[in-house]
Every structure is written in structure tokens, then in C-alpha cells.
Amino acid sequence: MMSLSDAVNGFSGEIAWNCADRSLFGACQLETGDQVQVVSSYFGNVIIKAKGKRLAITRDAAERIKLA
């Protein structure tokens, strides 16, 4: 299992575990089992596409999201 901060551009996967602060994601909550695609990754900070939206996630939050 790897963290979202370790994913590379173009990676598609499923969220296996999310212990990031849910208030960071606003109306687009990421749940276990959701499909995500990494649009861009820069020094651990990532932009993902999930549920038809794009989200920018800081390195600290991305380290708490594990992918299957």
C-alpha cells in the first residue's frame, strides 16, 4: 500500500484508507473505495481527479491517504 503523496502523474487507483482531516476536502469527500487519478504531482503535493472534480492536496494530507 502506498500513500497518495508517492503516486506519480497518470496513476489511477482506489483509496484503501483515508485518515486525513475530512474538513480539508469540502464538498468532495474522499471515501474508501473511491477511484482517483493523479493529474499532477510536485514534491509530494498532488492534484487529483475524483468524482468528476479536481482537488489540490497538500503533502501532509496526501501522506495520510493510502492507495490500493
PDB file of N, CA and C in Angstrom:
ATOM      1  N   MET A   1       0.853  -1.161   0.000  1.00  0.00           N
ATOM      2  CA  MET A   1       0.000   0.000   0.000  1.00  0.00           C
ATOM      3  C   MET A   1       0.905   1.233   0.000  1.00  0.00           C
ATOM      4  N   MET A   2       0.616   2.185  -0.872  1.00  0.00           N
ATOM      5  CA  MET A   2       1.423   3.408  -0.923  1.00  0.00           C
ATOM      6  C   MET A   2       0.546   4.616  -0.636  1.00  0.00           C
ATOM      7  N   SER A   3       1.180   5.693  -0.214  1.00  0.00           N
ATOM      8  CA  SER A   3       0.425   6.908   0.074  1.00  0.00           C
ATOM      9  C   SER A   3       0.211   7.700  -1.217  1.00  0.00           C
ATOM     10  N   LEU A   4      -0.780   8.542  -1.195  1.00  0.00           N
ATOM     11  CA  LEU A   4      -1.094   9.374  -2.356  1.00  0.00           C
ATOM     12  C   LEU A   4       0.072  10.303  -2.690  1.00  0.00           C
ATOM     13  N   SER A   5       0.844  10.716  -1.695  1.00  0.00           N
ATOM     14  CA  SER A   5       1.983  11.610  -1.954  1.00  0.00           C
ATOM     15  C   SER A   5       3.089  10.916  -2.746  1.00  0.00           C
ATOM     16  N   ASP A   6       3.109   9.576  -2.761  1.00  0.00           N
ATOM     17  CA  ASP A   6       4.117   8.821  -3.505  1.00  0.00           C
ATOM     18  C   ASP A   6       3.683   8.496  -4.934  1.00  0.00           C
ATOM     19  N   ALA A   7       2.428   8.766  -5.278  1.00  0.00           N
ATOM     20  CA  ALA A   7       1.909   8.430  -6.605  1.00  0.00           C
ATOM     21  C   ALA A   7       2.493   9.368  -7.658  1.00  0.00           C
ATOM     22  N   VAL A   8       2.636   8.859  -8.866  1.00  0.00           N
ATOM     23  CA  VAL A   8       3.194   9.642  -9.968  1.00  0.00           C
ATOM     24  C   VAL A   8       2.083  10.110 -10.902  1.00  0.00           C
ATOM     25  N   ASN A   9       2.415  11.067 -11.767  1.00  0.00           N
ATOM     26  CA  ASN A   9       1.444  11.586 -12.733  1.00  0.00           C
ATOM     27  C   ASN A   9       0.836  10.450 -13.537  1.00  0.00           C
ATOM     28  N   GLY A  10      -0.473  10.496 -13.717  1.00  0.00           N
ATOM     29  CA  GLY A  10      -1.161   9.500 -14.511  1.00  0.00           C
ATOM     30  C   GLY A  10      -1.586   8.267 -13.741  1.00  0.00           C
ATOM     31  N   PHE A  11      -1.161   8.136 -12.478  1.00  0.00           N
ATOM     32  CA  PHE A  11      -1.529   6.962 -11.687  1.00  0.00           C
ATOM     33  C   PHE A  11      -3.030   6.964 -11.427  1.00  0.00           C
ATOM     34  N   SER A  12      -3.663   5.818 -11.609  1.00  0.00           N
ATOM     35  CA  SER A  12      -5.069   5.640 -11.263  1.00  0.00           C
ATOM     36  C   SER A  12      -5.155   4.528 -10.238  1.00  0.00           C
ATOM     37  N   GLY A  13      -5.944   4.740  -9.217  1.00  0.00           N
ATOM     38  CA  GLY A  13      -6.076   3.719  -8.193  1.00  0.00           C
ATOM     39  C   GLY A  13      -7.295   3.950  -7.331  1.00  0.00           C
ATOM     40  N   GLU A  14      -7.406   3.126  -6.318  1.00  0.00           N
ATOM     41  CA  GLU A  14      -8.544   3.139  -5.414  1.00  0.00           C
ATOM     42  C   GLU A  14      -8.054   3.499  -4.019  1.00  0.00           C
ATOM     43  N   ILE A  15      -8.823   4.320  -3.320  1.00  0.00           N
ATOM     44  CA  ILE A  15      -8.452   4.685  -1.959  1.00  0.00           C
ATOM     45  C   ILE A  15      -8.698   3.487  -1.050  1.00  0.00           C
ATOM     46  N   ALA A  16      -7.646   3.061  -0.359  1.00  0.00           N
ATOM     47  CA  ALA A  16      -7.745   1.925   0.557  1.00  0.00           C
ATOM     48  C   ALA A  16      -7.991   2.403   1.986  1.00  0.00           C
ATOM     49  N   TRP A  17      -7.499   3.605   2.304  1.00  0.00           N
ATOM     50  CA  TRP A  17      -7.601   4.094   3.674  1.00  0.00           C
ATOM     51  C   TRP A  17      -7.393   5.594   3.669  1.00  0.00           C
ATOM     52  N   ASN A  18      -8.237   6.343   4.371  1.00  0.00           N
ATOM     53  CA  ASN A  18      -8.145   7.799   4.404  1.00  0.00           C
ATOM     54  C   ASN A  18      -8.279   8.278   5.841  1.00  0.00           C
ATOM     55  N   CYS A  19      -7.184   8.754   6.413  1.00  0.00           N
ATOM     56  CA  CYS A  19      -7.275   9.318   7.762  1.00  0.00           C
ATOM     57  C   CYS A  19      -6.932  10.804   7.762  1.00  0.00           C
ATOM     58  N   ALA A  20      -7.004  11.445   6.602  1.00  0.00           N
ATOM     59  CA  ALA A  20      -6.784  12.892   6.517  1.00  0.00           C
ATOM     60  C   ALA A  20      -8.005  13.613   7.086  1.00  0.00           C
ATOM     61  N   ASP A  21      -7.788  14.824   7.553  1.00  0.00           N
ATOM     62  CA  ASP A  21      -8.866  15.637   8.104  1.00  0.00           C
ATOM     63  C   ASP A  21      -9.910  15.883   7.016  1.00  0.00           C
ATOM     64  N   ARG A  22     -11.100  15.391   7.210  1.00  0.00           N
ATOM     65  CA  ARG A  22     -12.142  15.466   6.183  1.00  0.00           C
ATOM     66  C   ARG A  22     -12.569  16.904   5.873  1.00  0.00           C
ATOM     67  N   SER A  23     -12.347  17.836   6.784  1.00  0.00           N
ATOM     68  CA  SER A  23     -12.725  19.226   6.522  1.00  0.00           C
ATOM     69  C   SER A  23     -11.865  19.847   5.417  1.00  0.00           C
ATOM     70  N   LEU A  24     -10.734  19.221   5.084  1.00  0.00           N
ATOM     71  CA  LEU A  24      -9.861  19.735   4.026  1.00  0.00           C
ATOM     72  C   LEU A  24     -10.471  19.595   2.638  1.00  0.00           C
ATOM     73  N   PHE A  25     -11.402  18.662   2.471  1.00  0.00           N
ATOM     74  CA  PHE A  25     -11.913  18.341   1.144  1.00  0.00           C
ATOM     75  C   PHE A  25     -13.236  19.014   0.805  1.00  0.00           C
ATOM     76  N   GLY A  26     -13.821  19.738   1.724  1.00  0.00           N
ATOM     77  CA  GLY A  26     -15.053  20.467   1.453  1.00  0.00           C
ATOM     78  C   GLY A  26     -16.179  19.568   0.977  1.00  0.00           C
ATOM     79  N   ALA A  27     -16.807  19.941  -0.145  1.00  0.00           N
ATOM     80  CA  ALA A  27     -17.964  19.210  -0.651  1.00  0.00           C
ATOM     81  C   ALA A  27     -17.586  17.910  -1.356  1.00  0.00           C
ATOM     82  N   CYS A  28     -16.319  17.705  -1.646  1.00  0.00           N
ATOM     83  CA  CYS A  28     -15.887  16.494  -2.359  1.00  0.00           C
ATOM     84  C   CYS A  28     -15.123  15.583  -1.398  1.00  0.00           C
ATOM     85  N   GLN A  29     -15.847  14.880  -0.558  1.00  0.00           N
ATOM     86  CA  GLN A  29     -15.242  13.979   0.425  1.00  0.00           C
ATOM     87  C   GLN A  29     -14.688  12.740  -0.258  1.00  0.00           C
ATOM     88  N   LEU A  30     -13.496  12.326   0.138  1.00  0.00           N
ATOM     89  CA  LEU A  30     -12.882  11.118  -0.396  1.00  0.00           C
ATOM     90  C   LEU A  30     -13.128   9.977   0.574  1.00  0.00           C
ATOM     91  N   GLU A  31     -13.716   8.913   0.084  1.00  0.00           N
ATOM     92  CA  GLU A  31     -14.061   7.765   0.916  1.00  0.00           C
ATOM     93  C   GLU A  31     -13.286   6.542   0.463  1.00  0.00           C
ATOM     94  N   THR A  32     -13.196   5.557   1.334  1.00  0.00           N
ATOM     95  CA  THR A  32     -12.575   4.285   0.987  1.00  0.00           C
ATOM     96  C   THR A  32     -13.308   3.681  -0.207  1.00  0.00           C
ATOM     97  N   GLY A  33     -12.560   3.248  -1.206  1.00  0.00           N
ATOM     98  CA  GLY A  33     -13.139   2.650  -2.403  1.00  0.00           C
ATOM     99  C   GLY A  33     -13.301   3.608  -3.567  1.00  0.00           C
ATOM    100  N   ASP A  34     -13.172   4.912  -3.329  1.00  0.00           N
ATOM    101  CA  ASP A  34     -13.276   5.892  -4.416  1.00  0.00           C
ATOM    102  C   ASP A  34     -12.099   5.743  -5.377  1.00  0.00           C
ATOM    103  N   GLN A  35     -12.367   5.908  -6.662  1.00  0.00           N
ATOM    104  CA  GLN A  35     -11.322   5.884  -7.684  1.00  0.00           C
ATOM    105  C   GLN A  35     -10.729   7.279  -7.811  1.00  0.00           C
ATOM    106  N   VAL A  36      -9.405   7.364  -7.864  1.00  0.00           N
ATOM    107  CA  VAL A  36      -8.721   8.644  -8.040  1.00  0.00           C
ATOM    108  C   VAL A  36      -7.690   8.520  -9.150  1.00  0.00           C
ATOM    109  N   GLN A  37      -7.440   9.631  -9.820  1.00  0.00           N
ATOM    110  CA  GLN A  37      -6.395   9.693 -10.838  1.00  0.00           C
ATOM    111  C   GLN A  37      -5.508  10.886 -10.512  1.00  0.00           C
ATOM    112  N   VAL A  38      -4.201  10.661 -10.485  1.00  0.00           N
ATOM    113  CA  VAL A  38      -3.255  11.739 -10.209  1.00  0.00           C
ATOM    114  C   VAL A  38      -3.043  12.530 -11.496  1.00  0.00           C
ATOM    115  N   VAL A  39      -3.391  13.810 -11.464  1.00  0.00           N
ATOM    116  CA  VAL A  39      -3.222  14.687 -12.612  1.00  0.00           C
ATOM    117  C   VAL A  39      -1.812  15.269 -12.606  1.00  0.00           C
ATOM    118  N   SER A  40      -1.342  15.661 -11.425  1.00  0.00           N
ATOM    119  CA  SER A  40      -0.015  16.249 -11.290  1.00  0.00           C
ATOM    120  C   SER A  40       0.519  15.980  -9.890  1.00  0.00           C
ATOM    121  N   SER A  41       1.821  15.790  -9.803  1.00  0.00           N
ATOM    122  CA  SER A  41       2.474  15.563  -8.515  1.00  0.00           C
ATOM    123  C   SER A  41       3.748  16.395  -8.481  1.00  0.00           C
ATOM    124  N   TYR A  42       3.921  17.157  -7.406  1.00  0.00           N
ATOM    125  CA  TYR A  42       5.071  18.053  -7.299  1.00  0.00           C
ATOM    126  C   TYR A  42       5.541  18.093  -5.852  1.00  0.00           C
ATOM    127  N   PHE A  43       6.686  17.473  -5.569  1.00  0.00           N
ATOM    128  CA  PHE A  43       7.268  17.409  -4.223  1.00  0.00           C
ATOM    129  C   PHE A  43       6.282  16.869  -3.188  1.00  0.00           C
ATOM    130  N   GLY A  44       5.470  15.889  -3.568  1.00  0.00           N
ATOM    131  CA  GLY A  44       4.528  15.281  -2.636  1.00  0.00           C
ATOM    132  C   GLY A  44       3.159  15.919  -2.637  1.00  0.00           C
ATOM    133  N   ASN A  45       3.042  17.164  -3.106  1.00  0.00           N
ATOM    134  CA  ASN A  45       1.737  17.801  -3.260  1.00  0.00           C
ATOM    135  C   ASN A  45       1.116  17.249  -4.534  1.00  0.00           C
ATOM    136  N   VAL A  46      -0.174  16.966  -4.512  1.00  0.00           N
ATOM    137  CA  VAL A  46      -0.793  16.344  -5.681  1.00  0.00           C
ATOM    138  C   VAL A  46      -2.083  17.045  -6.080  1.00  0.00           C
ATOM    139  N   ILE A  47      -2.377  16.971  -7.362  1.00  0.00           N
ATOM    140  CA  ILE A  47      -3.677  17.361  -7.892  1.00  0.00           C
ATOM    141  C   ILE A  47      -4.292  16.074  -8.405  1.00  0.00           C
ATOM    142  N   ILE A  48      -5.485  15.766  -7.910  1.00  0.00           N
ATOM    143  CA  ILE A  48      -6.147  14.526  -8.310  1.00  0.00           C
ATOM    144  C   ILE A  48      -7.488  14.831  -8.961  1.00  0.00           C
ATOM    145  N   LYS A  49      -7.971  13.846  -9.695  1.00  0.00           N
ATOM    146  CA  LYS A  49      -9.311  13.896 -10.260  1.00  0.00           C
ATOM    147  C   LYS A  49     -10.102  12.787  -9.580  1.00  0.00           C
ATOM    148  N   ALA A  50     -11.190  13.165  -8.926  1.00  0.00           N
ATOM    149  CA  ALA A  50     -12.042  12.204  -8.227  1.00  0.00           C
ATOM    150  C   ALA A  50     -13.473  12.720  -8.249  1.00  0.00           C
ATOM    151  N   LYS A  51     -14.405  11.843  -8.494  1.00  0.00           N
ATOM    152  CA  LYS A  51     -15.829  12.198  -8.508  1.00  0.00           C
ATOM    153  C   LYS A  51     -16.131  13.337  -9.476  1.00  0.00           C
ATOM    154  N   GLY A  52     -15.401  13.380 -10.597  1.00  0.00           N
ATOM    155  CA  GLY A  52     -15.636  14.394 -11.608  1.00  0.00           C
ATOM    156  C   GLY A  52     -15.081  15.770 -11.276  1.00  0.00           C
ATOM    157  N   LYS A  53     -14.318  15.880 -10.196  1.00  0.00           N
ATOM    158  CA  LYS A  53     -13.735  17.159  -9.790  1.00  0.00           C
ATOM    159  C   LYS A  53     -12.231  17.008  -9.645  1.00  0.00           C
ATOM    160  N   ARG A  54     -11.535  18.132  -9.660  1.00  0.00           N
ATOM    161  CA  ARG A  54     -10.088  18.137  -9.412  1.00  0.00           C
ATOM    162  C   ARG A  54      -9.843  18.773  -8.052  1.00  0.00           C
ATOM    163  N   LEU A  55      -8.967  18.146  -7.301  1.00  0.00           N
ATOM    164  CA  LEU A  55      -8.630  18.626  -5.966  1.00  0.00           C
ATOM    165  C   LEU A  55      -7.125  18.769  -5.835  1.00  0.00           C
ATOM    166  N   ALA A  56      -6.678  19.840  -5.205  1.00  0.00           N
ATOM    167  CA  ALA A  56      -5.268  20.002  -4.856  1.00  0.00           C
ATOM    168  C   ALA A  56      -5.123  19.573  -3.405  1.00  0.00           C
ATOM    169  N   ILE A  57      -4.178  18.683  -3.149  1.00  0.00           N
ATOM    170  CA  ILE A  57      -3.987  18.138  -1.808  1.00  0.00           C
ATOM    171  C   ILE A  57      -2.540  18.356  -1.388  1.00  0.00           C
ATOM    172  N   THR A  58      -2.356  18.901  -0.194  1.00  0.00           N
ATOM    173  CA  THR A  58      -1.009  19.145   0.316  1.00  0.00           C
ATOM    174  C   THR A  58      -0.313  17.832   0.639  1.00  0.00           C
ATOM    175  N   ARG A  59       0.995  17.905   0.749  1.00  0.00           N
ATOM    176  CA  ARG A  59       1.787  16.705   1.041  1.00  0.00           C
ATOM    177  C   ARG A  59       1.365  16.064   2.366  1.00  0.00           C
ATOM    178  N   ASP A  60       1.128  16.877   3.399  1.00  0.00           N
ATOM    179  CA  ASP A  60       0.745  16.336   4.704  1.00  0.00           C
ATOM    180  C   ASP A  60      -0.546  15.528   4.627  1.00  0.00           C
ATOM    181  N   ALA A  61      -1.549  16.050   3.923  1.00  0.00           N
ATOM    182  CA  ALA A  61      -2.812  15.326   3.785  1.00  0.00           C
ATOM    183  C   ALA A  61      -2.643  14.114   2.877  1.00  0.00           C
ATOM    184  N   ALA A  62      -1.861  14.260   1.806  1.00  0.00           N
ATOM    185  CA  ALA A  62      -1.665  13.162   0.854  1.00  0.00           C
ATOM    186  C   ALA A  62      -0.959  11.971   1.499  1.00  0.00           C
ATOM    187  N   GLU A  63      -0.101  12.227   2.477  1.00  0.00           N
ATOM    188  CA  GLU A  63       0.589  11.134   3.164  1.00  0.00           C
ATOM    189  C   GLU A  63      -0.365  10.298   4.006  1.00  0.00           C
ATOM    190  N   ARG A  64      -1.512  10.854   4.368  1.00  0.00           N
ATOM    191  CA  ARG A  64      -2.494  10.151   5.195  1.00  0.00           C
ATOM    192  C   ARG A  64      -3.539   9.397   4.377  1.00  0.00           C
ATOM    193  N   ILE A  65      -3.433   9.488   3.054  1.00  0.00           N
ATOM    194  CA  ILE A  65      -4.361   8.780   2.168  1.00  0.00           C
ATOM    195  C   ILE A  65      -3.598   7.638   1.517  1.00  0.00           C
ATOM    196  N   LYS A  66      -4.034   6.414   1.760  1.00  0.00           N
ATOM    197  CA  LYS A  66      -3.350   5.228   1.239  1.00  0.00           C
ATOM    198  C   LYS A  66      -4.122   4.663   0.053  1.00  0.00           C
ATOM    199  N   LEU A  67      -3.377   4.195  -0.942  1.00  0.00           N
ATOM    200  CA  LEU A  67      -3.958   3.653  -2.169  1.00  0.00           C
ATOM    201  C   LEU A  67      -3.711   2.160  -2.257  1.00  0.00           C
ATOM    202  N   ALA A  68      -4.680   1.459  -2.834  1.00  0.00           N
ATOM    203  CA  ALA A  68      -4.550   0.008  -3.011  1.00  0.00           C
ATOM    204  C   ALA A  68      -3.789  -0.290  -4.278  1.00  0.00           C
TER     205      ALA A  68
END
